[in-house]
């Protein structure tokens, strides 16, 4: 298989490490944020649309509404702001006391916004009013506020995800290795699962969870929440890192050291191993047809892989020199962020590098 990529634009507006990169659901806008600045670009013209800056607090997460009209950002000062993604006009700012806000997500109908700090909260998007405060059993976050200074943030929620048409809400707390599954009709806790990171299949019928020891990835059936399969590396001393489903939801890709492994989710067996003999690989991303994987390669830009053959068919390098990609599951204080996203029906690839630059490439096979 032959492939080529042309650098369309180097989106240089951040000076710090990029923490998150996202296309809007309609594919027309690309958003990225670092510690303090959130910037939106027009995908077709590569022009800067809006720039939002928080000089006092760190930004920890962002999310587009399903209709692409709004974008929300969470800050370390305990607030979330909702802006009009096209005009930059501020719609609402919601606040929590004495907590860092790390994650947020709009519901599929766009009516509510879930935010994760030390507590899971649900807000009305239209009014900005708090609707629900969700505490898991044994969550003593409120009593901690009066008793201790928050320095280690033991129970913060790093990720919130709506799924199954908005019927469930999943919150992830890595420090306690806990995933909580909430029913959004009753807003009651249904299940808890041990793990650090979670990824839904595109049909939301399966959930991949990285174990609390990073030695396995477990696949759950989301209709019953029963464990369907367990993905284990042959080398138990080798950690296995967060997963991504193929577009047809038949396979899961994990990465570990110099390997990317494709797994059959039904059987839990590995079906393909992509190996780089010289470099560590990071953060694989599937093309929209599932035939291509792009991954970061330590101190070597990006590798483009043919999924069927496992061959390295292309390398992408910025025009101004090599970058050092790293784990796209960015952790504050950890290694620099790196992320690959396919957009525009798979015709464009957006890449965030740890020096703050974003590259937008056109893509052909």
Protein backbone atom coordinates (compact mmCIF):
# COMPACT_ATOMS: atom_id res chain seq x y z
CA UNK A 1 0.00 0.00 0.00
CA UNK A 2 1.30 3.43 -0.95
CA UNK A 3 0.59 6.51 1.15
CA UNK A 4 1.50 10.18 1.10
CA UNK A 5 0.90 13.19 3.30
CA UNK A 6 1.33 16.89 2.66
CA UNK A 7 1.77 19.42 5.44
CA UNK A 8 -1.05 21.93 5.05
CA UNK A 9 -0.41 24.18 8.00
CA UNK A 10 1.75 24.52 11.09
CA UNK A 11 -0.62 25.97 13.67
CA UNK A 12 1.78 27.86 15.93
CA UNK A 13 -0.13 29.73 18.59
CA UNK A 14 0.83 27.90 21.78
CA UNK A 15 4.23 28.14 23.44
CA UNK A 16 3.65 25.49 26.13
CA UNK A 17 3.03 21.76 25.83
CA UNK A 18 -0.30 20.97 24.19
CA UNK A 19 -2.54 19.05 26.58
CA UNK A 20 -5.48 18.20 24.31
CA UNK A 21 -6.48 18.35 20.65
CA UNK A 22 -10.00 17.88 19.28
CA UNK A 23 -12.00 18.22 16.07
CA UNK A 24 -15.55 19.53 16.46
CA UNK A 25 -18.26 16.94 15.68
CA UNK A 26 -19.04 18.65 12.36
CA UNK A 27 -15.35 18.56 11.43
CA UNK A 28 -15.16 22.30 10.74
CA UNK A 29 -13.16 23.39 13.80
CA UNK A 30 -9.94 22.21 15.42
CA UNK A 31 -9.39 23.05 19.10
CA UNK A 32 -6.26 22.75 21.23
CA UNK A 33 -5.27 23.92 24.69
CA UNK A 34 -2.13 24.13 26.77
CA UNK A 35 -1.83 25.18 30.42
CA UNK A 36 -3.64 28.47 30.02
CA UNK A 37 -4.78 29.06 26.43
CA UNK A 38 -7.57 27.46 24.38
CA UNK A 39 -7.45 28.17 20.64
CA UNK A 40 -9.91 27.33 17.85
CA UNK A 41 -8.99 27.10 14.14
CA UNK A 42 -11.10 26.81 11.01
CA UNK A 43 -10.14 23.45 9.47
CA UNK A 44 -10.74 24.49 5.86
CA UNK A 45 -8.94 27.84 5.95
CA UNK A 46 -6.53 27.07 8.84
CA UNK A 47 -7.35 30.55 10.18
CA UNK A 48 -7.57 31.27 13.90
CA UNK A 49 -11.20 31.67 15.01
CA UNK A 50 -10.98 32.34 18.74
CA UNK A 51 -8.45 32.47 21.55
CA UNK A 52 -9.45 32.07 25.19
CA UNK A 53 -6.90 32.66 27.93
CA UNK A 54 -7.00 31.99 31.68
CA UNK A 55 -4.04 33.80 33.21
CA UNK A 56 -4.74 32.63 36.77
CA UNK A 57 -5.65 28.95 36.49
CA UNK A 58 -4.46 25.95 34.48
CA UNK A 59 -6.76 24.44 31.87
CA UNK A 60 -7.31 20.72 32.30
CA UNK A 61 -9.91 19.66 29.74
CA UNK A 62 -12.21 20.77 26.94
CA UNK A 63 -15.23 19.41 25.07
CA UNK A 64 -17.42 20.39 22.11
CA UNK A 65 -21.20 20.15 22.30
CA UNK A 66 -22.72 17.54 19.92
CA UNK A 67 -23.98 20.25 17.54
CA UNK A 68 -20.52 21.95 17.53
CA UNK A 69 -22.11 25.22 18.68
CA UNK A 70 -20.46 25.33 22.10
CA UNK A 71 -17.08 24.51 23.57
CA UNK A 72 -16.45 24.09 27.29
CA UNK A 73 -13.16 24.16 29.19
CA UNK A 74 -12.33 23.09 32.76
CA UNK A 75 -9.77 24.88 34.94
CA UNK A 76 -7.69 24.16 38.01
CA UNK A 77 -9.43 27.00 39.81
CA UNK A 78 -12.62 24.96 39.93
CA UNK A 79 -14.57 26.57 37.11
CA UNK A 80 -15.90 25.55 33.72
CA UNK A 81 -16.65 28.06 30.99
CA UNK A 82 -18.95 27.52 28.02
CA UNK A 83 -18.30 29.63 24.90
CA UNK A 84 -19.91 29.94 21.50
CA UNK A 85 -17.42 28.05 19.32
CA UNK A 86 -17.90 30.37 16.32
CA UNK A 87 -18.23 33.81 17.91
CA UNK A 88 -16.19 33.31 21.10
CA UNK A 89 -19.01 34.75 23.23
CA UNK A 90 -19.10 33.44 26.82
CA UNK A 91 -22.41 31.71 27.60
CA UNK A 92 -21.88 30.55 31.19
CA UNK A 93 -19.25 30.05 33.85
CA UNK A 94 -19.95 27.45 36.56
CA UNK A 95 -17.89 27.15 39.74
CA UNK A 96 -17.12 24.65 42.48
CA UNK A 97 -15.41 25.55 45.74
CA UNK A 98 -11.84 24.49 46.60
CA UNK A 99 -11.58 21.82 43.91
CA UNK A 100 -9.66 21.50 40.66
CA UNK A 101 -11.94 20.73 37.73
CA UNK A 102 -10.18 18.20 35.51
CA UNK A 103 -12.72 16.83 33.03
CA UNK A 104 -16.03 17.58 31.37
CA UNK A 105 -18.38 16.36 28.64
CA UNK A 106 -21.69 17.36 27.08
CA UNK A 107 -24.54 14.86 27.00
CA UNK A 108 -25.48 13.54 23.52
CA UNK A 109 -28.53 15.84 23.41
CA UNK A 110 -26.40 18.80 24.49
CA UNK A 111 -28.71 19.69 27.38
CA UNK A 112 -26.38 18.97 30.29
CA UNK A 113 -22.66 19.22 31.00
CA UNK A 114 -20.96 16.72 33.32
CA UNK A 115 -17.84 17.92 35.16
CA UNK A 116 -15.31 15.95 37.18
CA UNK A 117 -13.35 17.29 40.13
CA UNK A 118 -13.35 15.56 43.50
CA UNK A 119 -17.08 15.17 42.92
CA UNK A 120 -19.08 14.41 39.76
CA UNK A 121 -21.54 17.19 38.94
CA UNK A 122 -24.16 17.70 36.23
CA UNK A 123 -25.09 21.20 35.03
CA UNK A 124 -27.92 22.57 32.88
CA UNK A 125 -26.29 24.00 29.74
CA UNK A 126 -29.03 26.52 29.01
CA UNK A 127 -29.20 28.05 32.50
CA UNK A 128 -25.83 27.13 34.03
CA UNK A 129 -27.64 25.77 37.11
CA UNK A 130 -26.29 22.74 39.01
CA UNK A 131 -28.74 19.84 38.60
CA UNK A 132 -27.04 16.87 40.27
CA UNK A 133 -24.11 16.16 42.59
CA UNK A 134 -23.04 12.51 42.42
CA UNK A 135 -21.02 10.83 45.18
CA UNK A 136 -19.83 7.24 45.01
CA UNK A 137 -20.11 5.13 48.20
CA UNK A 138 -17.19 5.88 50.49
CA UNK A 139 -16.53 9.24 48.82
CA UNK A 140 -15.61 11.61 51.64
CA UNK A 141 -14.54 14.51 49.47
CA UNK A 142 -16.78 16.97 51.31
CA UNK A 143 -15.35 16.11 54.73
CA UNK A 144 -11.81 16.28 53.35
CA UNK A 145 -12.44 19.93 52.48
CA UNK A 146 -12.73 20.90 56.12
CA UNK A 147 -10.03 18.59 57.47
CA UNK A 148 -7.08 18.70 55.09
CA UNK A 149 -5.30 20.92 52.65
CA UNK A 150 -5.72 19.51 49.16
CA UNK A 151 -2.21 18.73 47.99
CA UNK A 152 -2.38 15.16 46.70
CA UNK A 153 -5.95 15.25 45.33
CA UNK A 154 -6.59 11.57 46.15
CA UNK A 155 -9.96 11.13 44.49
CA UNK A 156 -10.11 13.45 41.50
CA UNK A 157 -12.10 12.45 38.42
CA UNK A 158 -9.86 12.62 35.35
CA UNK A 159 -12.45 11.64 32.75
CA UNK A 160 -16.23 11.73 32.28
CA UNK A 161 -17.96 10.02 29.35
CA UNK A 162 -21.62 9.78 28.32
CA UNK A 163 -22.50 6.57 26.45
CA UNK A 164 -25.33 4.42 25.12
CA UNK A 165 -27.23 7.43 23.82
CA UNK A 166 -26.75 9.31 27.06
CA UNK A 167 -28.31 6.56 29.20
CA UNK A 168 -25.13 6.13 31.23
CA UNK A 169 -22.35 8.38 32.49
CA UNK A 170 -18.92 6.96 33.30
CA UNK A 171 -16.49 8.70 35.65
CA UNK A 172 -12.85 7.65 35.96
CA UNK A 173 -10.70 8.19 39.06
CA UNK A 174 -7.13 6.96 38.33
CA UNK A 175 -5.77 7.57 41.83
CA UNK A 176 -8.25 5.11 43.30
CA UNK A 177 -8.32 2.92 40.15
CA UNK A 178 -12.10 3.19 40.00
CA UNK A 179 -14.60 3.58 37.17
CA UNK A 180 -18.16 4.42 38.20
CA UNK A 181 -21.12 3.79 35.87
CA UNK A 182 -24.14 6.00 36.59
CA UNK A 183 -27.72 5.70 35.32
CA UNK A 184 -28.67 9.11 33.90
CA UNK A 185 -32.40 8.60 34.43
CA UNK A 186 -32.17 8.01 38.17
CA UNK A 187 -28.63 9.44 38.56
CA UNK A 188 -27.81 6.46 40.75
CA UNK A 189 -24.60 4.44 40.73
CA UNK A 190 -25.07 1.15 38.86
CA UNK A 191 -21.64 -0.47 38.75
CA UNK A 192 -18.01 0.08 39.67
CA UNK A 193 -15.02 -1.35 37.77
CA UNK A 194 -11.35 -1.42 38.72
CA UNK A 195 -9.11 0.39 36.24
CA UNK A 196 -7.30 3.56 35.20
CA UNK A 197 -8.44 4.46 31.68
CA UNK A 198 -11.56 3.70 29.66
CA UNK A 199 -12.38 3.67 25.95
CA UNK A 200 -15.77 2.89 24.35
CA UNK A 201 -16.21 1.21 21.00
CA UNK A 202 -17.91 3.43 18.41
CA UNK A 203 -21.19 1.50 18.78
CA UNK A 204 -20.78 1.80 22.58
CA UNK A 205 -21.46 -1.92 23.00
CA UNK A 206 -18.04 -2.51 24.56
CA UNK A 207 -15.77 -0.74 27.03
CA UNK A 208 -12.01 -1.32 27.17
CA UNK A 209 -10.47 -0.68 30.59
CA UNK A 210 -6.75 -0.61 31.44
CA UNK A 211 -6.17 -2.51 34.66
CA UNK A 212 -4.92 -0.81 37.81
CA UNK A 213 -1.55 -2.56 37.34
CA UNK A 214 -1.31 -1.75 33.58
CA UNK A 215 -0.62 -5.43 32.85
CA UNK A 216 -3.98 -6.20 31.22
CA UNK A 217 -6.81 -4.55 29.32
CA UNK A 218 -10.31 -5.85 30.00
CA UNK A 219 -13.25 -5.72 27.60
CA UNK A 220 -16.75 -5.36 29.10
CA UNK A 221 -20.14 -5.83 27.47
CA UNK A 222 -21.98 -2.58 28.25
CA UNK A 223 -25.44 -4.15 28.07
CA UNK A 224 -24.70 -6.46 31.00
CA UNK A 225 -21.39 -5.05 32.32
CA UNK A 226 -20.03 -8.57 32.31
CA UNK A 227 -16.36 -9.15 31.54
CA UNK A 228 -16.10 -10.41 27.96
CA UNK A 229 -12.36 -10.88 27.50
CA UNK A 230 -9.00 -10.06 29.06
CA UNK A 231 -6.05 -8.94 26.93
CA UNK A 232 -2.70 -9.94 28.41
CA UNK A 233 0.84 -9.44 27.16
CA UNK A 234 3.11 -12.46 26.93
CA UNK A 235 5.65 -10.63 29.10
CA UNK A 236 4.02 -9.93 32.47
CA UNK A 237 6.77 -7.44 33.25
CA UNK A 238 5.76 -5.33 30.24
CA UNK A 239 3.08 -2.72 30.90
CA UNK A 240 0.22 -2.43 28.40
CA UNK A 241 -1.13 1.04 27.73
CA UNK A 242 -4.54 2.51 26.87
CA UNK A 243 -6.57 1.12 24.01
CA UNK A 244 -8.37 2.33 20.91
CA UNK A 245 -11.02 0.41 18.97
CA UNK A 246 -10.88 -0.09 15.23
CA UNK A 247 -13.66 1.73 13.31
CA UNK A 248 -15.57 -1.55 12.80
CA UNK A 249 -15.27 -2.31 16.55
CA UNK A 250 -13.87 -5.78 15.92
CA UNK A 251 -10.38 -5.07 17.21
CA UNK A 252 -8.59 -3.16 19.93
CA UNK A 253 -5.10 -1.69 19.58
CA UNK A 254 -2.82 -1.40 22.61
CA UNK A 255 0.78 -0.25 22.80
CA UNK A 256 3.64 -1.44 24.95
CA UNK A 257 7.31 -0.59 24.47
CA UNK A 258 8.19 -1.04 20.79
CA UNK A 259 5.00 -2.92 19.96
CA UNK A 260 1.44 -2.13 18.94
CA UNK A 261 -0.78 -5.19 19.34
CA UNK A 262 -4.16 -5.72 17.66
CA UNK A 263 -6.59 -7.91 19.61
CA UNK A 264 -9.81 -9.65 18.65
CA UNK A 265 -12.29 -8.40 21.26
CA UNK A 266 -14.48 -11.52 21.05
CA UNK A 267 -11.74 -14.03 21.77
CA UNK A 268 -9.27 -11.81 23.58
CA UNK A 269 -6.48 -13.18 21.37
CA UNK A 270 -3.80 -11.09 19.67
CA UNK A 271 -4.05 -11.22 15.87
CA UNK A 272 -1.31 -8.83 14.77
CA UNK A 273 1.80 -7.30 16.30
CA UNK A 274 3.39 -4.22 14.77
CA UNK A 275 7.02 -3.87 15.84
CA UNK A 276 9.55 -1.08 15.61
CA UNK A 277 13.00 -2.52 16.26
CA UNK A 278 14.60 0.78 17.24
CA UNK A 279 12.02 3.09 18.81
CA UNK A 280 9.30 3.06 21.44
CA UNK A 281 5.83 3.55 19.97
CA UNK A 282 3.04 5.64 21.44
CA UNK A 283 -0.61 6.57 21.04
CA UNK A 284 -1.87 4.69 17.95
CA UNK A 285 -4.78 6.13 15.97
CA UNK A 286 -6.82 4.33 13.28
CA UNK A 287 -7.78 5.89 9.97
CA UNK A 288 -11.53 6.04 9.31
CA UNK A 289 -11.44 2.86 7.20
CA UNK A 290 -9.30 0.98 9.73
CA UNK A 291 -6.60 0.13 7.21
CA UNK A 292 -3.97 2.52 8.57
CA UNK A 293 -2.47 3.19 12.00
CA UNK A 294 -0.46 6.29 12.85
CA UNK A 295 1.69 6.22 15.98
CA UNK A 296 4.28 8.34 17.67
CA UNK A 297 7.86 7.04 17.68
CA UNK A 298 10.32 8.12 20.34
CA UNK A 299 12.65 10.83 18.93
CA UNK A 300 11.57 9.91 15.41
CA UNK A 301 8.41 11.81 14.48
CA UNK A 302 5.50 9.61 13.43
CA UNK A 303 5.16 6.19 11.88
CA UNK A 304 2.38 5.26 9.45
CA UNK A 305 1.56 1.53 9.41
CA UNK A 306 -0.36 -0.73 7.05
CA UNK A 307 -2.62 -2.69 9.42
CA UNK A 308 -2.91 -5.79 7.23
CA UNK A 309 0.80 -6.24 6.56
CA UNK A 310 2.22 -4.50 9.62
CA UNK A 311 4.63 -2.60 7.36
CA UNK A 312 5.85 0.92 8.06
CA UNK A 313 4.73 2.69 4.86
CA UNK A 314 5.40 6.35 5.68
CA UNK A 315 7.02 8.67 8.20
CA UNK A 316 5.73 12.15 8.97
CA UNK A 317 8.20 14.80 10.11
CA UNK A 318 7.60 18.51 10.76
CA UNK A 319 9.43 20.77 8.33
CA UNK A 320 11.43 22.45 11.08
CA UNK A 321 12.99 19.33 12.58
CA UNK A 322 12.15 16.19 14.51
CA UNK A 323 9.86 16.18 17.50
CA UNK A 324 9.69 13.75 20.38
CA UNK A 325 6.13 12.37 20.57
CA UNK A 326 4.92 10.81 23.80
CA UNK A 327 1.82 9.42 25.44
CA UNK A 328 -1.45 11.01 24.30
CA UNK A 329 -3.04 10.21 27.68
CA UNK A 330 -1.52 13.35 29.11
CA UNK A 331 -0.88 13.60 32.86
CA UNK A 332 -0.07 16.91 34.54
CA UNK A 333 3.58 16.88 35.56
CA UNK A 334 4.23 13.84 33.40
CA UNK A 335 5.77 13.50 29.93
CA UNK A 336 4.82 15.94 27.15
CA UNK A 337 1.55 15.46 25.35
CA UNK A 338 1.16 14.00 21.89
CA UNK A 339 -2.02 13.26 20.01
CA UNK A 340 -3.12 12.17 16.53
CA UNK A 341 -6.62 12.80 15.17
CA UNK A 342 -8.18 11.96 11.81
CA UNK A 343 -10.74 14.47 10.53
CA UNK A 344 -12.60 15.63 7.42
CA UNK A 345 -13.75 12.07 6.68
CA UNK A 346 -10.21 10.77 7.12
CA UNK A 347 -8.72 13.20 4.57
CA UNK A 348 -6.86 15.27 7.16
CA UNK A 349 -4.63 14.38 10.09
CA UNK A 350 -4.07 16.75 13.01
CA UNK A 351 -1.06 16.17 15.23
CA UNK A 352 -0.13 17.89 18.49
CA UNK A 353 3.54 17.93 19.49
CA UNK A 354 4.96 18.60 22.96
CA UNK A 355 6.63 21.87 21.96
CA UNK A 356 3.22 23.48 21.49
CA UNK A 357 2.96 23.16 17.71
CA UNK A 358 0.06 21.58 15.84
CA UNK A 359 0.44 20.17 12.35
CA UNK A 360 -2.47 19.75 9.92
CA UNK A 361 -1.74 17.31 7.08
CA UNK A 362 -3.72 16.27 4.02
CA UNK A 363 -3.77 12.51 3.67
CA UNK A 364 -3.87 10.23 0.61
CA UNK A 365 -3.47 6.52 -0.05
